[in-house]
Amino acid sequence: MNNNLVYGIHDKPKFSNLLVFAIQQLLAIMAATIAVPVIVGNGMSVSAALFGAGVGTIVYQLFTKFRSPVFLGSSFAFIGSMAAAFAGAATASLGFLGIIIGAVLAGLVYVVIAVIVKFAGVKWINKLMPAAVIGPTVALIGLSLAGAAVNDVFSYGEKVQFGLNSYFVMNTSTWISLICALVTFAVVVLCSVYGKKMTKLIPFIIGILAGYAVALVFTVIGISTGAQELKVIDFTPFEALFANGVQFSSFFSLPEFTFLEAFNGVKDFDPAYLATVAVAYIPVAFVVFAEHIADHKNLSSIIGTDLLEQPGLHRTLLGDGVGSMVGAFFGGCPNTTYGESVGCVAITRNASVATITVTAIIAILISFISPFVAFLDSIPGCVMGGVCITLYGFIAVSGLKMVQKVNLEDNANLFTVSVILITGIGGMAMSIGEIAITSIACALILGIIVNIVLNLKKKNNDGEQ
């Protein structure tokens, strides 16, 4: 166990603290979790996705015997797959059925790999993906999100193109967006570095509330003066609650679960559509499997326990795979372990699985509470951008820490690390037919191949001497 942790895996903070820690985890993963259904569109429900993420996380915890402190949220890797399922469907209902079937097929890939790992062990994976491969890949996960964090920081700004580079125009809206982000960032950092006791453990909650308060001041001034550029907070989610007056649904509402709409699509199902969904989902599952390894290696380095050994990779895979199936049944989105959750554990040094479990329960409960969902939806992008700078930065640094342990005097390791970083940061993403391979996946695959070839050649040379 990592002695630097404030709370270890099996520690249970007192209930009042546990609730606060859980809300912080929820805020860390919220933006990305609800972004996936928004991007995919086609009537997908944000609250249902939140419910699915909560249920999927609990399933994951059950399979991992409550030994892996990470939250599962909507996977961005499957956005193209989900879009393909809707595009290839004759009706909207069939599309909803398709995204459930696709998640089941992707989950089955994890189940099959888990069975193989159970009998073959994990040594082959450690050889296939040593620190020289996993380290830069983890760093790349954080670095690849850097652009998203910066875009969030300037979410109310305007970009212009000068030559090969783009720049943010520093007008009133851009400056206000930057101020809100920097206030959030500064509060998070100061609480993490100089905070005492509880303050040090909940830097994200304090930071988000501080950023929201600043944004609220600008917004109130904007409303009172009619200055549109000062209106940082969008109150539309709250207005929608009372569009038809005060009703029960203004406070509590049943999420629009995916399976309810999917049942209507059964009558339109045909084998050709199944092939379309399979091609869209199964290859992506193998790509996400590699990211699953990277996330758990990263988390292992943070908590000081090798999750591939305890509880075991086969259990984490089963939890991830079955959790995705269950999550998609309710919310439509396959789930995956979240880097934001890992970053939150790293920064707060709170690895308590009880915190993750309570986070999942709260996610399920608030999916029924309309005002709370509206509040989360109203948090400005610039405020979340200030938080994401720290979260994504910690993911990148965690990977670099792994690279520190690699002997870079060995050219085989040097070129393996180099090719992953350059191709990943350079954006080597590919689309082969209906299959989209992310830059992280391409970099990881290329890194694995380079590592195998160079080390195989090195062994042959050693044998000849």
Protein backbone atom coordinates (compact mmCIF):
# COMPACT_ATOMS: atom_id res chain seq x y z
CA MET A 1 0.00 0.00 0.00
CA ASN A 2 1.19 3.53 -0.80
CA ASN A 3 2.07 5.24 2.50
CA ASN A 4 1.41 8.65 0.94
CA LEU A 5 -2.31 7.93 0.77
CA VAL A 6 -4.57 9.72 3.24
CA TYR A 7 -7.19 7.01 2.79
CA GLY A 8 -6.27 3.53 1.57
CA ILE A 9 -8.44 1.22 -0.51
CA HIS A 10 -10.25 -0.33 2.44
CA ASP A 11 -10.46 2.80 4.59
CA LYS A 12 -13.90 4.22 5.29
CA PRO A 13 -14.03 7.95 6.11
CA LYS A 14 -16.77 9.05 8.47
CA PHE A 15 -20.13 9.39 6.73
CA SER A 16 -20.29 13.19 6.48
CA ASN A 17 -16.80 13.32 4.93
CA LEU A 18 -17.61 10.38 2.69
CA LEU A 19 -20.54 12.25 1.14
CA VAL A 20 -18.38 15.29 0.42
CA PHE A 21 -15.59 13.15 -1.09
CA ALA A 22 -18.15 11.35 -3.25
CA ILE A 23 -19.64 14.60 -4.56
CA GLN A 24 -16.12 15.73 -5.45
CA GLN A 25 -15.54 12.55 -7.46
CA LEU A 26 -18.89 13.10 -9.15
CA LEU A 27 -17.96 16.64 -10.14
CA ALA A 28 -14.63 15.40 -11.52
CA ILE A 29 -16.27 12.89 -13.88
CA MET A 30 -19.52 14.71 -14.54
CA ALA A 31 -18.65 16.85 -17.56
CA ALA A 32 -17.25 13.96 -19.60
CA THR A 33 -19.97 11.50 -18.60
CA ILE A 34 -22.83 13.71 -19.77
CA ALA A 35 -20.89 15.01 -22.80
CA VAL A 36 -21.08 11.68 -24.65
CA PRO A 37 -24.90 11.50 -24.98
CA VAL A 38 -24.94 15.21 -25.89
CA ILE A 39 -22.40 14.64 -28.69
CA VAL A 40 -24.15 11.53 -30.04
CA GLY A 41 -27.56 13.20 -29.91
CA ASN A 42 -30.51 11.27 -31.38
CA GLY A 43 -32.53 11.90 -28.23
CA MET A 44 -30.11 10.25 -25.83
CA SER A 45 -30.73 11.17 -22.20
CA VAL A 46 -28.07 12.82 -20.03
CA SER A 47 -29.71 11.69 -16.78
CA ALA A 48 -29.99 8.10 -18.10
CA ALA A 49 -26.28 8.13 -18.96
CA LEU A 50 -25.54 9.30 -15.43
CA PHE A 51 -27.69 6.49 -14.03
CA GLY A 52 -25.94 3.97 -16.28
CA ALA A 53 -22.51 5.17 -15.17
CA GLY A 54 -23.49 4.75 -11.52
CA VAL A 55 -24.88 1.25 -12.01
CA GLY A 56 -21.92 0.25 -14.21
CA THR A 57 -19.48 1.41 -11.51
CA ILE A 58 -21.23 -0.67 -8.86
CA VAL A 59 -21.08 -3.73 -11.16
CA TYR A 60 -17.35 -3.07 -11.64
CA GLN A 61 -16.81 -2.83 -7.89
CA LEU A 62 -18.64 -6.12 -7.33
CA PHE A 63 -16.44 -7.93 -9.86
CA THR A 64 -13.25 -6.40 -8.45
CA LYS A 65 -14.25 -7.22 -4.84
CA PHE A 66 -14.24 -3.47 -4.00
CA ARG A 67 -10.45 -3.26 -4.42
CA SER A 68 -10.13 -0.84 -7.34
CA PRO A 69 -10.89 2.84 -6.59
CA VAL A 70 -12.03 4.16 -9.95
CA PHE A 71 -15.32 5.40 -11.41
CA LEU A 72 -16.66 4.18 -14.76
CA GLY A 73 -18.18 6.82 -17.02
CA SER A 74 -19.40 7.15 -20.61
CA SER A 75 -16.66 6.13 -23.04
CA PHE A 76 -15.62 8.63 -25.72
CA ALA A 77 -14.01 5.83 -27.72
CA PHE A 78 -17.44 4.49 -28.70
CA ILE A 79 -18.93 7.78 -29.91
CA GLY A 80 -18.29 6.83 -33.55
CA SER A 81 -19.70 3.35 -32.93
CA MET A 82 -22.87 4.78 -31.40
CA ALA A 83 -23.28 7.23 -34.27
CA ALA A 84 -22.89 4.34 -36.74
CA ALA A 85 -25.57 2.33 -34.89
CA PHE A 86 -28.03 5.20 -35.24
CA ALA A 87 -27.02 5.95 -38.84
CA GLY A 88 -27.52 2.32 -39.91
CA ALA A 89 -30.90 1.96 -38.20
CA ALA A 90 -34.17 2.15 -40.08
CA THR A 91 -35.88 3.77 -37.09
CA ALA A 92 -34.78 5.70 -34.01
CA SER A 93 -35.98 2.86 -31.77
CA LEU A 94 -33.83 0.38 -33.68
CA GLY A 95 -30.89 2.73 -33.15
CA PHE A 96 -31.41 2.55 -29.40
CA LEU A 97 -31.59 -1.23 -29.62
CA GLY A 98 -28.42 -1.17 -31.70
CA ILE A 99 -26.38 0.74 -29.12
CA ILE A 100 -27.41 -1.78 -26.45
CA ILE A 101 -26.48 -4.72 -28.68
CA GLY A 102 -23.20 -3.02 -29.57
CA ALA A 103 -22.32 -2.53 -25.90
CA VAL A 104 -23.07 -6.20 -25.23
CA LEU A 105 -20.79 -7.28 -28.10
CA ALA A 106 -18.00 -4.99 -26.88
CA GLY A 107 -18.48 -6.26 -23.35
CA LEU A 108 -18.23 -9.85 -24.56
CA VAL A 109 -14.81 -9.05 -26.02
CA TYR A 110 -13.72 -8.10 -22.51
CA VAL A 111 -15.25 -11.28 -21.10
CA VAL A 112 -13.38 -13.46 -23.60
CA ILE A 113 -10.07 -11.70 -22.89
CA ALA A 114 -10.75 -12.02 -19.15
CA VAL A 115 -11.16 -15.79 -19.51
CA ILE A 116 -7.88 -15.99 -21.43
CA VAL A 117 -6.11 -13.90 -18.78
CA LYS A 118 -7.57 -16.07 -16.01
CA PHE A 119 -5.87 -19.17 -17.41
CA ALA A 120 -2.80 -17.62 -19.07
CA GLY A 121 -1.96 -15.08 -16.35
CA VAL A 122 -0.75 -11.50 -16.84
CA LYS A 123 2.97 -12.03 -17.40
CA TRP A 124 2.49 -11.98 -21.17
CA ILE A 125 0.76 -8.60 -20.89
CA ASN A 126 3.63 -7.21 -18.82
CA LYS A 127 6.03 -8.38 -21.52
CA LEU A 128 3.83 -7.02 -24.28
CA MET A 129 3.33 -3.68 -22.55
CA PRO A 130 6.27 -2.95 -20.20
CA ALA A 131 6.87 0.45 -18.57
CA ALA A 132 8.52 1.71 -21.78
CA VAL A 133 5.15 1.24 -23.50
CA ILE A 134 2.64 1.92 -20.72
CA GLY A 135 4.44 4.99 -19.28
CA PRO A 136 4.34 7.18 -22.40
CA THR A 137 0.84 5.89 -23.22
CA VAL A 138 -0.49 7.04 -19.84
CA ALA A 139 1.29 10.37 -20.34
CA LEU A 140 -0.27 10.58 -23.77
CA ILE A 141 -3.77 10.10 -22.34
CA GLY A 142 -3.28 13.23 -20.25
CA LEU A 143 -1.50 15.19 -22.97
CA SER A 144 -4.14 14.31 -25.57
CA LEU A 145 -6.75 15.95 -23.33
CA ALA A 146 -4.70 19.14 -22.99
CA GLY A 147 -6.42 20.76 -25.96
CA ALA A 148 -9.85 19.97 -24.52
CA ALA A 149 -8.86 21.57 -21.20
CA VAL A 150 -7.60 24.74 -22.90
CA ASN A 151 -10.70 24.95 -25.11
CA ASP A 152 -12.81 24.71 -21.96
CA VAL A 153 -10.78 27.48 -20.34
CA PHE A 154 -11.64 29.75 -23.31
CA SER A 155 -15.08 28.23 -23.82
CA TYR A 156 -16.64 31.68 -24.30
CA GLY A 157 -13.82 32.96 -26.46
CA GLU A 158 -13.33 33.25 -30.19
CA LYS A 159 -10.55 31.60 -32.20
CA VAL A 160 -8.85 33.02 -35.27
CA GLN A 161 -6.35 31.42 -37.62
CA PHE A 162 -2.95 33.00 -38.28
CA GLY A 163 -0.89 30.92 -40.65
CA LEU A 164 -0.59 27.39 -39.28
CA ASN A 165 -1.61 28.35 -35.75
CA SER A 166 -4.88 29.41 -34.16
CA TYR A 167 -5.20 31.99 -31.39
CA PHE A 168 -7.92 33.08 -28.98
CA VAL A 169 -9.09 36.66 -29.49
CA MET A 170 -8.82 38.37 -26.10
CA ASN A 171 -12.11 40.27 -26.07
CA THR A 172 -14.38 40.78 -23.05
CA SER A 173 -15.93 37.28 -23.19
CA THR A 174 -12.54 35.62 -23.53
CA TRP A 175 -11.05 37.54 -20.61
CA ILE A 176 -14.01 36.68 -18.36
CA SER A 177 -13.77 33.03 -19.35
CA LEU A 178 -10.05 33.07 -18.54
CA ILE A 179 -10.61 34.79 -15.17
CA CYS A 180 -13.20 32.19 -14.10
CA ALA A 181 -10.89 29.35 -15.16
CA LEU A 182 -7.84 30.82 -13.41
CA VAL A 183 -9.77 31.43 -10.18
CA THR A 184 -10.93 27.81 -10.23
CA PHE A 185 -7.43 26.55 -11.01
CA ALA A 186 -5.78 28.74 -8.35
CA VAL A 187 -8.21 27.66 -5.62
CA VAL A 188 -7.77 23.96 -6.48
CA VAL A 189 -3.97 24.27 -6.41
CA LEU A 190 -3.83 26.35 -3.22
CA CYS A 191 -6.18 23.98 -1.40
CA SER A 192 -4.17 20.95 -2.55
CA VAL A 193 -0.79 22.41 -1.62
CA TYR A 194 -1.50 24.56 1.43
CA GLY A 195 -4.88 23.28 2.62
CA LYS A 196 -5.31 21.65 6.01
CA LYS A 197 -7.31 18.53 6.82
CA MET A 198 -10.64 18.60 4.94
CA THR A 199 -9.66 21.51 2.69
CA LYS A 200 -6.79 19.48 1.29
CA LEU A 201 -9.11 16.54 0.57
CA ILE A 202 -11.82 18.46 -1.34
CA PRO A 203 -9.91 20.95 -3.53
CA PHE A 204 -12.16 20.36 -6.56
CA ILE A 205 -15.40 21.13 -4.75
CA ILE A 206 -13.96 24.35 -3.31
CA GLY A 207 -12.42 25.29 -6.67
CA ILE A 208 -15.60 24.68 -8.64
CA LEU A 209 -17.71 26.60 -6.13
CA ALA A 210 -15.23 29.50 -6.22
CA GLY A 211 -15.22 29.56 -10.02
CA TYR A 212 -19.01 29.28 -10.15
CA ALA A 213 -19.34 32.18 -7.68
CA VAL A 214 -17.14 34.42 -9.85
CA ALA A 215 -19.09 33.38 -12.96
CA LEU A 216 -22.35 34.11 -11.12
CA VAL A 217 -21.17 37.65 -10.26
CA PHE A 218 -20.34 38.34 -13.91
CA THR A 219 -23.66 36.84 -15.01
CA VAL A 220 -25.72 38.93 -12.57
CA ILE A 221 -23.94 42.08 -13.75
CA GLY A 222 -24.56 41.03 -17.35
CA ILE A 223 -28.28 40.48 -16.72
CA SER A 224 -28.69 43.80 -14.89
CA THR A 225 -26.79 45.80 -17.53
CA GLY A 226 -27.88 43.85 -20.60
CA ALA A 227 -24.28 43.02 -21.45
CA GLN A 228 -24.49 39.66 -23.20
CA GLU A 229 -20.73 39.03 -23.03
CA LEU A 230 -20.88 38.98 -19.21
CA LYS A 231 -23.48 36.21 -19.03
CA VAL A 232 -21.21 33.25 -18.28
CA ILE A 233 -23.77 30.95 -16.68
CA ASP A 234 -26.58 29.59 -18.83
CA PHE A 235 -29.73 29.26 -16.72
CA THR A 236 -31.63 27.44 -19.49
CA PRO A 237 -31.49 24.07 -17.67
CA PHE A 238 -33.28 25.67 -14.68
CA GLU A 239 -35.78 27.50 -16.88
CA ALA A 240 -36.70 24.23 -18.60
CA LEU A 241 -37.73 22.76 -15.24
CA PHE A 242 -40.46 25.35 -14.82
CA ALA A 243 -41.39 25.95 -18.47
CA ASN A 244 -44.87 24.54 -17.82
CA GLY A 245 -45.19 25.85 -14.29
CA VAL A 246 -44.26 24.18 -11.03
CA GLN A 247 -44.90 20.44 -11.37
CA PHE A 248 -43.69 17.26 -9.74
CA SER A 249 -41.34 16.80 -12.72
CA SER A 250 -39.74 20.15 -11.84
CA PHE A 251 -38.12 18.38 -8.91
CA PHE A 252 -38.19 14.65 -9.69
CA SER A 253 -38.32 12.85 -13.03
CA LEU A 254 -37.67 9.35 -14.34
CA PRO A 255 -34.63 9.22 -16.66
CA GLU A 256 -35.42 8.26 -20.26
CA PHE A 257 -33.83 4.82 -20.05
CA THR A 258 -32.43 3.43 -23.29
CA PHE A 259 -34.05 0.03 -22.96
CA LEU A 260 -37.55 1.56 -22.90
CA GLU A 261 -37.09 2.98 -26.39
CA ALA A 262 -35.04 -0.03 -27.56
CA PHE A 263 -37.91 -2.45 -26.95
CA ASN A 264 -39.89 -0.61 -29.63
CA GLY A 265 -37.15 -1.34 -32.14
CA VAL A 266 -37.23 -5.14 -31.83
CA LYS A 267 -39.85 -5.42 -34.59
CA ASP A 268 -37.52 -3.61 -37.04
CA PHE A 269 -34.46 -5.77 -36.30
CA ASP A 270 -32.71 -7.69 -39.11
CA PRO A 271 -29.42 -9.69 -39.31
CA ALA A 272 -27.80 -7.18 -41.67
CA TYR A 273 -28.13 -4.48 -39.02
CA LEU A 274 -26.48 -6.77 -36.47
CA ALA A 275 -23.45 -7.01 -38.77
CA THR A 276 -23.33 -3.20 -39.01
CA VAL A 277 -23.34 -2.85 -35.23
CA ALA A 278 -20.75 -5.62 -34.74
CA VAL A 279 -18.31 -4.00 -37.16
CA ALA A 280 -18.77 -0.65 -35.42
CA TYR A 281 -18.27 -1.90 -31.86
CA ILE A 282 -16.05 -5.01 -31.67
CA PRO A 283 -12.81 -3.53 -33.11
CA VAL A 284 -13.11 -0.52 -30.79
CA ALA A 285 -13.39 -2.88 -27.81
CA PHE A 286 -9.87 -4.17 -28.53
CA VAL A 287 -8.59 -0.59 -28.65
CA VAL A 288 -10.25 0.30 -25.33
CA PHE A 289 -8.78 -2.90 -23.83
CA ALA A 290 -5.31 -1.39 -24.26
CA GLU A 291 -6.46 1.82 -22.59
CA HIS A 292 -7.95 -0.31 -19.79
CA ILE A 293 -4.47 -1.73 -19.13
CA ALA A 294 -2.91 1.74 -19.16
CA ASP A 295 -5.49 3.16 -16.73
CA HIS A 296 -5.07 0.31 -14.28
CA LYS A 297 -1.27 0.44 -14.49
CA ASN A 298 -1.47 4.14 -13.75
CA LEU A 299 -3.87 3.64 -10.85
CA SER A 300 -1.66 0.85 -9.52
CA SER A 301 1.33 3.19 -9.39
CA ILE A 302 -0.74 5.74 -7.46
CA ILE A 303 -2.19 3.42 -4.82
CA GLY A 304 0.88 1.18 -4.51
CA THR A 305 -1.01 -2.03 -5.31
CA ASP A 306 -0.75 -3.90 -8.61
CA LEU A 307 -4.38 -4.18 -9.70
CA LEU A 308 -3.40 -6.59 -12.46
CA GLU A 309 -2.46 -9.03 -9.69
CA GLN A 310 -4.91 -8.01 -6.94
CA PRO A 311 -7.83 -8.27 -7.57
CA GLY A 312 -6.52 -9.42 -10.97
CA LEU A 313 -6.80 -8.24 -14.56
CA HIS A 314 -9.47 -10.84 -15.30
CA ARG A 315 -11.67 -9.27 -12.61
CA THR A 316 -11.11 -5.69 -13.76
CA LEU A 317 -11.89 -6.73 -17.33
CA LEU A 318 -15.05 -8.55 -16.29
CA GLY A 319 -16.12 -5.57 -14.20
CA ASP A 320 -15.45 -3.15 -17.05
CA GLY A 321 -17.11 -5.36 -19.67
CA VAL A 322 -20.23 -6.32 -17.75
CA GLY A 323 -20.43 -2.81 -16.27
CA SER A 324 -20.50 -1.45 -19.82
CA MET A 325 -23.31 -3.80 -20.79
CA VAL A 326 -25.42 -2.85 -17.80
CA GLY A 327 -24.62 0.86 -18.14
CA ALA A 328 -25.59 0.88 -21.82
CA PHE A 329 -28.83 -0.99 -21.07
CA PHE A 330 -29.94 1.99 -19.00
CA GLY A 331 -28.03 4.92 -20.49
CA GLY A 332 -26.93 3.76 -23.95
CA CYS A 333 -23.25 4.57 -23.39
CA PRO A 334 -20.61 1.86 -22.87
CA ASN A 335 -18.57 2.68 -19.78
CA THR A 336 -14.84 2.87 -19.23
CA THR A 337 -12.52 3.67 -16.34
CA TYR A 338 -12.13 7.43 -16.13
CA GLY A 339 -8.80 9.26 -16.14
CA GLU A 340 -10.53 12.14 -14.33
CA SER A 341 -11.37 9.75 -11.51
CA VAL A 342 -7.80 8.46 -11.39
CA GLY A 343 -6.53 12.06 -11.33
CA CYS A 344 -8.85 12.89 -8.46
CA VAL A 345 -7.49 9.94 -6.47
CA ALA A 346 -3.91 11.05 -7.22
CA ILE A 347 -4.40 14.68 -6.22
CA THR A 348 -6.49 14.12 -3.07
CA ARG A 349 -4.63 10.90 -2.09
CA ASN A 350 -8.00 9.40 -1.26
CA ALA A 351 -8.08 5.84 -2.64
CA SER A 352 -11.06 4.73 -0.54
CA VAL A 353 -13.26 2.40 -2.57
CA ALA A 354 -16.11 3.40 -0.25
CA THR A 355 -15.85 6.90 -1.77
CA ILE A 356 -16.22 5.50 -5.30
CA THR A 357 -19.16 3.32 -4.29
CA VAL A 358 -21.00 6.23 -2.66
CA THR A 359 -20.23 8.32 -5.76
CA ALA A 360 -21.97 5.67 -7.87
CA ILE A 361 -24.99 5.64 -5.56
CA ILE A 362 -25.24 9.45 -5.64
CA ALA A 363 -24.99 9.39 -9.46
CA ILE A 364 -27.94 7.00 -9.55
CA LEU A 365 -30.00 9.08 -7.10
CA ILE A 366 -29.39 12.49 -8.66
CA SER A 367 -30.37 11.20 -12.09
CA PHE A 368 -33.92 11.40 -10.69
CA ILE A 369 -33.46 14.87 -9.09
CA SER A 370 -34.10 17.45 -11.79
CA PRO A 371 -32.70 20.60 -10.09
CA PHE A 372 -29.40 18.92 -9.24
CA VAL A 373 -28.94 17.68 -12.81
CA ALA A 374 -29.77 21.21 -13.99
CA PHE A 375 -27.17 22.70 -11.64
CA LEU A 376 -24.47 20.32 -12.87
CA ASP A 377 -25.45 21.13 -16.45
CA SER A 378 -25.15 24.85 -15.71
CA ILE A 379 -21.54 24.74 -14.48
CA PRO A 380 -19.68 26.85 -17.07
CA GLY A 381 -17.16 25.15 -19.31
CA CYS A 382 -14.46 27.62 -18.27
CA VAL A 383 -14.86 26.58 -14.61
CA MET A 384 -14.47 22.91 -15.53
CA GLY A 385 -11.51 23.90 -17.71
CA GLY A 386 -9.70 25.21 -14.64
CA VAL A 387 -10.28 21.86 -12.92
CA CYS A 388 -9.30 19.82 -15.97
CA ILE A 389 -5.89 21.49 -16.22
CA THR A 390 -4.99 19.85 -12.90
CA LEU A 391 -6.72 16.52 -13.57
CA TYR A 392 -5.29 15.96 -17.04
CA GLY A 393 -1.91 17.25 -15.92
CA PHE A 394 -1.73 14.66 -13.16
CA ILE A 395 -2.53 11.89 -15.64
CA ALA A 396 0.33 13.05 -17.87
CA VAL A 397 2.74 13.35 -14.96
CA SER A 398 1.79 9.87 -13.69
CA GLY A 399 2.87 8.46 -17.04
CA LEU A 400 6.12 10.43 -16.96
CA LYS A 401 6.85 8.99 -13.52
CA MET A 402 6.62 5.52 -15.05
CA VAL A 403 9.02 6.60 -17.81
CA GLN A 404 11.49 7.73 -15.13
CA LYS A 405 11.94 4.09 -14.17
CA VAL A 406 12.79 3.13 -17.75
CA ASN A 407 16.44 2.90 -18.83
CA LEU A 408 16.48 5.44 -21.64
CA GLU A 409 20.19 4.81 -22.21
CA ASP A 410 18.94 1.68 -23.94
CA ASN A 411 18.03 2.71 -27.49
CA ALA A 412 15.31 0.05 -27.68
CA ASN A 413 13.49 1.80 -24.84
CA LEU A 414 14.36 5.26 -26.13
CA PHE A 415 12.81 4.67 -29.55
CA THR A 416 9.77 2.91 -28.08
CA VAL A 417 8.99 5.89 -25.84
CA SER A 418 9.75 8.35 -28.64
CA VAL A 419 7.47 6.78 -31.22
CA ILE A 420 4.53 6.65 -28.80
CA LEU A 421 4.86 10.28 -27.74
CA ILE A 422 5.43 11.74 -31.20
CA THR A 423 2.75 9.79 -33.07
CA GLY A 424 0.26 10.28 -30.23
CA ILE A 425 0.83 14.01 -29.75
CA GLY A 426 1.05 14.42 -33.52
CA GLY A 427 -2.48 13.03 -33.84
CA MET A 428 -1.91 9.83 -35.81
CA ALA A 429 -5.58 8.81 -35.85
CA MET A 430 -7.02 6.59 -38.58
CA SER A 431 -10.39 5.69 -40.00
CA ILE A 432 -10.54 2.29 -41.68
CA GLY A 433 -14.01 1.87 -43.13
CA GLU A 434 -16.44 2.23 -40.21
CA ILE A 435 -13.66 1.72 -37.65
CA ALA A 436 -12.12 4.80 -36.03
CA ILE A 437 -8.77 4.24 -34.33
CA THR A 438 -7.79 7.05 -31.95
CA SER A 439 -4.31 8.58 -31.89
CA ILE A 440 -3.68 6.98 -28.48
CA ALA A 441 -4.57 3.55 -29.83
CA CYS A 442 -2.42 4.02 -32.94
CA ALA A 443 0.53 5.21 -30.85
CA LEU A 444 0.15 2.31 -28.42
CA ILE A 445 -0.06 -0.30 -31.19
CA LEU A 446 2.97 1.18 -32.94
CA GLY A 447 4.85 1.33 -29.64
CA ILE A 448 4.12 -2.33 -28.89
CA ILE A 449 5.36 -3.37 -32.34
CA VAL A 450 8.55 -1.27 -32.06
CA ASN A 451 9.24 -2.61 -28.57
CA ILE A 452 8.80 -6.24 -29.67
CA VAL A 453 10.91 -5.89 -32.82
CA LEU A 454 13.77 -4.00 -31.17
CA ASN A 455 13.95 -6.27 -28.13
CA LEU A 456 13.72 -9.36 -30.31
CA LYS A 457 16.63 -8.06 -32.40
CA LYS A 458 18.53 -7.25 -29.21
CA LYS A 459 18.04 -10.79 -27.91
CA ASN A 460 19.24 -12.23 -31.20
CA ASN A 461 22.36 -10.07 -31.05
CA ASP A 462 22.99 -11.11 -27.45
CA GLY A 463 22.70 -14.73 -28.51
CA GLU A 464 25.23 -14.31 -31.31
CA GLN A 465 27.88 -12.77 -29.02
